C-alpha atoms as a PDB file:
ATOM      1  CA  MET A   1      41.665  93.120  14.642  1.00  0.00           C
ATOM      2  CA  ALA A   2      43.078  96.387  16.033  1.00  0.00           C
ATOM      3  CA  ASN A   3      42.513  95.712  19.606  1.00  0.00           C
ATOM      4  CA  GLN A   4      44.636  92.511  19.746  1.00  0.00           C
ATOM      5  CA  ALA A   5      48.069  91.599  20.230  1.00  0.00           C
ATOM      6  CA  LYS A   6      50.069  90.532  17.233  1.00  0.00           C
ATOM      7  CA  VAL A   7      51.942  87.149  17.665  1.00  0.00           C
ATOM      8  CA  TYR A   8      54.986  85.360  16.436  1.00  0.00           C
ATOM      9  CA  LEU A   9      55.169  81.587  16.573  1.00  0.00           C
ATOM     10  CA  ASP A  10      58.555  80.092  17.336  1.00  0.00           C
ATOM     11  CA  GLU A  11      59.541  77.283  15.115  1.00  0.00           C
ATOM     12  CA  ASP A  12      58.572  74.664  17.754  1.00  0.00           C
ATOM     13  CA  MET A  13      54.908  75.729  17.370  1.00  0.00           C
ATOM     14  CA  SER A  14      52.449  74.027  15.067  1.00  0.00           C
ATOM     15  CA  GLU A  15      51.479  75.572  11.740  1.00  0.00           C
ATOM     16  CA  ILE A  16      47.938  74.202  12.769  1.00  0.00           C
ATOM     17  CA  LEU A  17      48.005  76.788  15.637  1.00  0.00           C
ATOM     18  CA  ALA A  18      48.907  79.597  13.322  1.00  0.00           C
ATOM     19  CA  GLY A  19      46.003  78.751  10.953  1.00  0.00           C
ATOM     20  CA  GLN A  20      43.509  78.548  13.892  1.00  0.00           C
ATOM     21  CA  LEU A  21      44.595  81.886  15.203  1.00  0.00           C
ATOM     22  CA  GLN A  22      44.558  83.454  11.736  1.00  0.00           C
ATOM     23  CA  LYS A  23      41.138  81.995  11.137  1.00  0.00           C
ATOM     24  CA  ALA A  24      40.015  83.652  14.327  1.00  0.00           C
ATOM     25  CA  GLY A  25      41.243  86.965  13.382  1.00  0.00           C
ATOM     26  CA  TRP A  26      44.633  87.334  14.942  1.00  0.00           C
ATOM     27  CA  ASP A  27      47.714  88.913  13.143  1.00  0.00           C
ATOM     28  CA  VAL A  28      50.142  85.913  13.109  1.00  0.00           C
ATOM     29  CA  LEU A  29      53.702  85.411  11.860  1.00  0.00           C
ATOM     30  CA  CYS A  30      55.652  82.134  12.028  1.00  0.00           C
ATOM     31  CA  VAL A  31      59.225  81.622  12.023  1.00  0.00           C
ATOM     32  CA  SER A  32      58.908  79.742   8.666  1.00  0.00           C
ATOM     33  CA  LYS A  33      57.025  82.625   7.036  1.00  0.00           C
ATOM     34  CA  ALA A  34      59.583  85.225   8.507  1.00  0.00           C
ATOM     35  CA  ASP A  35      62.391  82.967   6.857  1.00  0.00           C
ATOM     36  CA  ARG A  36      64.064  82.575  10.410  1.00  0.00           C
ATOM     37  CA  ARG A  37      64.367  78.974  10.881  1.00  0.00           C
ATOM     38  CA  GLY A  38      67.405  78.138  13.136  1.00  0.00           C
ATOM     39  CA  VAL A  39      67.936  81.576  14.324  1.00  0.00           C
ATOM     40  CA  ALA A  40      69.062  81.636  17.957  1.00  0.00           C
ATOM     41  CA  ASP A  41      66.396  82.057  20.688  1.00  0.00           C
ATOM     42  CA  GLY A  42      67.606  85.541  21.722  1.00  0.00           C
ATOM     43  CA  GLU A  43      67.526  86.727  18.139  1.00  0.00           C
ATOM     44  CA  GLN A  44      64.076  85.308  17.636  1.00  0.00           C
ATOM     45  CA  LEU A  45      62.765  87.335  20.939  1.00  0.00           C
ATOM     46  CA  ALA A  46      64.638  90.276  19.704  1.00  0.00           C
ATOM     47  CA  PHE A  47      62.956  90.022  16.153  1.00  0.00           C
ATOM     48  CA  ALA A  48      59.593  89.660  17.841  1.00  0.00           C
ATOM     49  CA  THR A  49      60.165  92.588  20.038  1.00  0.00           C
ATOM     50  CA  ARG A  50      61.119  94.931  17.127  1.00  0.00           C
ATOM     51  CA  ALA A  51      57.977  93.776  15.342  1.00  0.00           C
ATOM     52  CA  GLY A  52      55.844  94.363  18.269  1.00  0.00           C
ATOM     53  CA  ARG A  53      54.777  90.762  18.527  1.00  0.00           C
ATOM     54  CA  VAL A  54      54.124  88.530  21.446  1.00  0.00           C
ATOM     55  CA  LEU A  55      56.365  85.444  20.972  1.00  0.00           C
ATOM     56  CA  ILE A  56      54.759  82.049  21.406  1.00  0.00           C
ATOM     57  CA  THR A  57      57.001  79.010  22.155  1.00  0.00           C
ATOM     58  CA  ARG A  58      57.227  75.656  23.880  1.00  0.00           C
ATOM     59  CA  ASN A  59      60.856  76.158  24.854  1.00  0.00           C
ATOM     60  CA  ILE A  60      60.446  76.853  28.447  1.00  0.00           C
ATOM     61  CA  GLU A  61      64.044  76.902  29.695  1.00  0.00           C
ATOM     62  CA  ASP A  62      65.507  79.042  27.214  1.00  0.00           C
ATOM     63  CA  PHE A  63      62.810  81.633  27.066  1.00  0.00           C
ATOM     64  CA  LEU A  64      62.072  81.822  30.712  1.00  0.00           C
ATOM     65  CA  ASP A  65      65.906  82.398  30.972  1.00  0.00           C
ATOM     66  CA  LEU A  66      65.627  85.201  28.371  1.00  0.00           C
ATOM     67  CA  HIS A  67      62.717  86.686  30.213  1.00  0.00           C
ATOM     68  CA  GLU A  68      64.603  86.790  33.482  1.00  0.00           C
ATOM     69  CA  THR A  69      67.770  88.379  31.574  1.00  0.00           C
ATOM     70  CA  CYS A  70      65.501  91.204  30.279  1.00  0.00           C
ATOM     71  CA  LEU A  71      64.181  91.761  33.530  1.00  0.00           C
ATOM     72  CA  ARG A  72      67.532  91.787  35.115  1.00  0.00           C
ATOM     73  CA  GLU A  73      69.179  93.866  32.434  1.00  0.00           C
ATOM     74  CA  ARG A  74      66.077  96.088  31.921  1.00  0.00           C
ATOM     75  CA  THR A  75      65.831  95.282  28.251  1.00  0.00           C
ATOM     76  CA  ALA A  76      62.208  95.194  27.214  1.00  0.00           C
ATOM     77  CA  HIS A  77      60.628  92.503  25.134  1.00  0.00           C
ATOM     78  CA  ALA A  78      57.198  92.425  23.590  1.00  0.00           C
ATOM     79  CA  GLY A  79      55.750  89.541  25.584  1.00  0.00           C
ATOM     80  CA  ILE A  80      56.168  85.756  25.745  1.00  0.00           C
ATOM     81  CA  ILE A  81      53.724  82.935  26.068  1.00  0.00           C
ATOM     82  CA  ILE A  82      55.162  79.548  26.872  1.00  0.00           C
ATOM     83  CA  CYS A  83      52.893  76.579  25.922  1.00  0.00           C
ATOM     84  CA  PHE A  84      52.986  73.225  27.582  1.00  0.00           C
ATOM     85  CA  TRP A  85      53.126  70.232  25.223  1.00  0.00           C
ATOM     86  CA  ARG A  86      49.624  68.670  24.405  1.00  0.00           C
ATOM     87  CA  ALA A  87      48.715  65.951  22.196  1.00  0.00           C
ATOM     88  CA  ASN A  88      45.570  67.641  21.071  1.00  0.00           C
ATOM     89  CA  PRO A  89      46.205  70.782  19.074  1.00  0.00           C
ATOM     90  CA  GLN A  90      42.700  72.065  19.871  1.00  0.00           C
ATOM     91  CA  VAL A  91      43.699  72.200  23.658  1.00  0.00           C
ATOM     92  CA  THR A  92      46.612  74.314  22.754  1.00  0.00           C
ATOM     93  CA  TYR A  93      44.677  76.695  20.695  1.00  0.00           C
ATOM     94  CA  ASN A  94      42.086  77.134  23.435  1.00  0.00           C
ATOM     95  CA  LYS A  95      44.722  77.731  26.026  1.00  0.00           C
ATOM     96  CA  VAL A  96      46.706  80.210  23.932  1.00  0.00           C
ATOM     97  CA  LEU A  97      43.520  82.005  22.796  1.00  0.00           C
ATOM     98  CA  SER A  98      42.406  82.275  26.371  1.00  0.00           C
ATOM     99  CA  VAL A  99      45.737  84.060  27.441  1.00  0.00           C
ATOM    100  CA  LEU A 100      45.602  86.292  24.369  1.00  0.00           C
ATOM    101  CA  LYS A 101      41.916  87.394  25.135  1.00  0.00           C
ATOM    102  CA  ARG A 102      42.763  87.994  28.706  1.00  0.00           C
ATOM    103  CA  VAL A 103      45.691  90.239  28.420  1.00  0.00           C
ATOM    104  CA  PRO A 104      45.124  93.641  26.704  1.00  0.00           C
ATOM    105  CA  PRO A 105      47.623  94.324  23.943  1.00  0.00           C
ATOM    106  CA  ASN A 106      48.911  97.330  25.696  1.00  0.00           C
ATOM    107  CA  GLU A 107      49.905  95.191  28.778  1.00  0.00           C
ATOM    108  CA  TRP A 108      52.329  92.625  27.170  1.00  0.00           C
ATOM    109  CA  THR A 109      55.561  94.525  27.292  1.00  0.00           C
ATOM    110  CA  ASP A 110      57.885  92.380  29.692  1.00  0.00           C
ATOM    111  CA  ARG A 111      55.153  89.960  30.351  1.00  0.00           C
ATOM    112  CA  LEU A 112      55.546  86.125  30.475  1.00  0.00           C
ATOM    113  CA  GLU A 113      52.327  83.958  30.563  1.00  0.00           C
ATOM    114  CA  TYR A 114      51.863  80.172  30.351  1.00  0.00           C
ATOM    115  CA  ALA A 115      49.286  78.405  28.310  1.00  0.00           C
END
């Protein structure tokens, strides 16, 4: 859909989530589909930013640090959603979907949200 943020799922995110988001009409790219497994976190964020995609990850510590570095150095990123681990993938999907629907696509630059 045109009025939605595009997303990029880090390698610690489930392919189940990718499928659920795609089924709901979201433009989703996974690390595996982009052939970027094992790439450093900073490069993953830079790739997502160049592609205009909000990065979704469970890697709280590293991506919080990257977000703070971007703010401090005034280098923009396309947005980050940090997910908390949940045993039930449906709960993760609901939380991520709630954040994606709440934040307009044009307001993701340099934004960090938790799901």
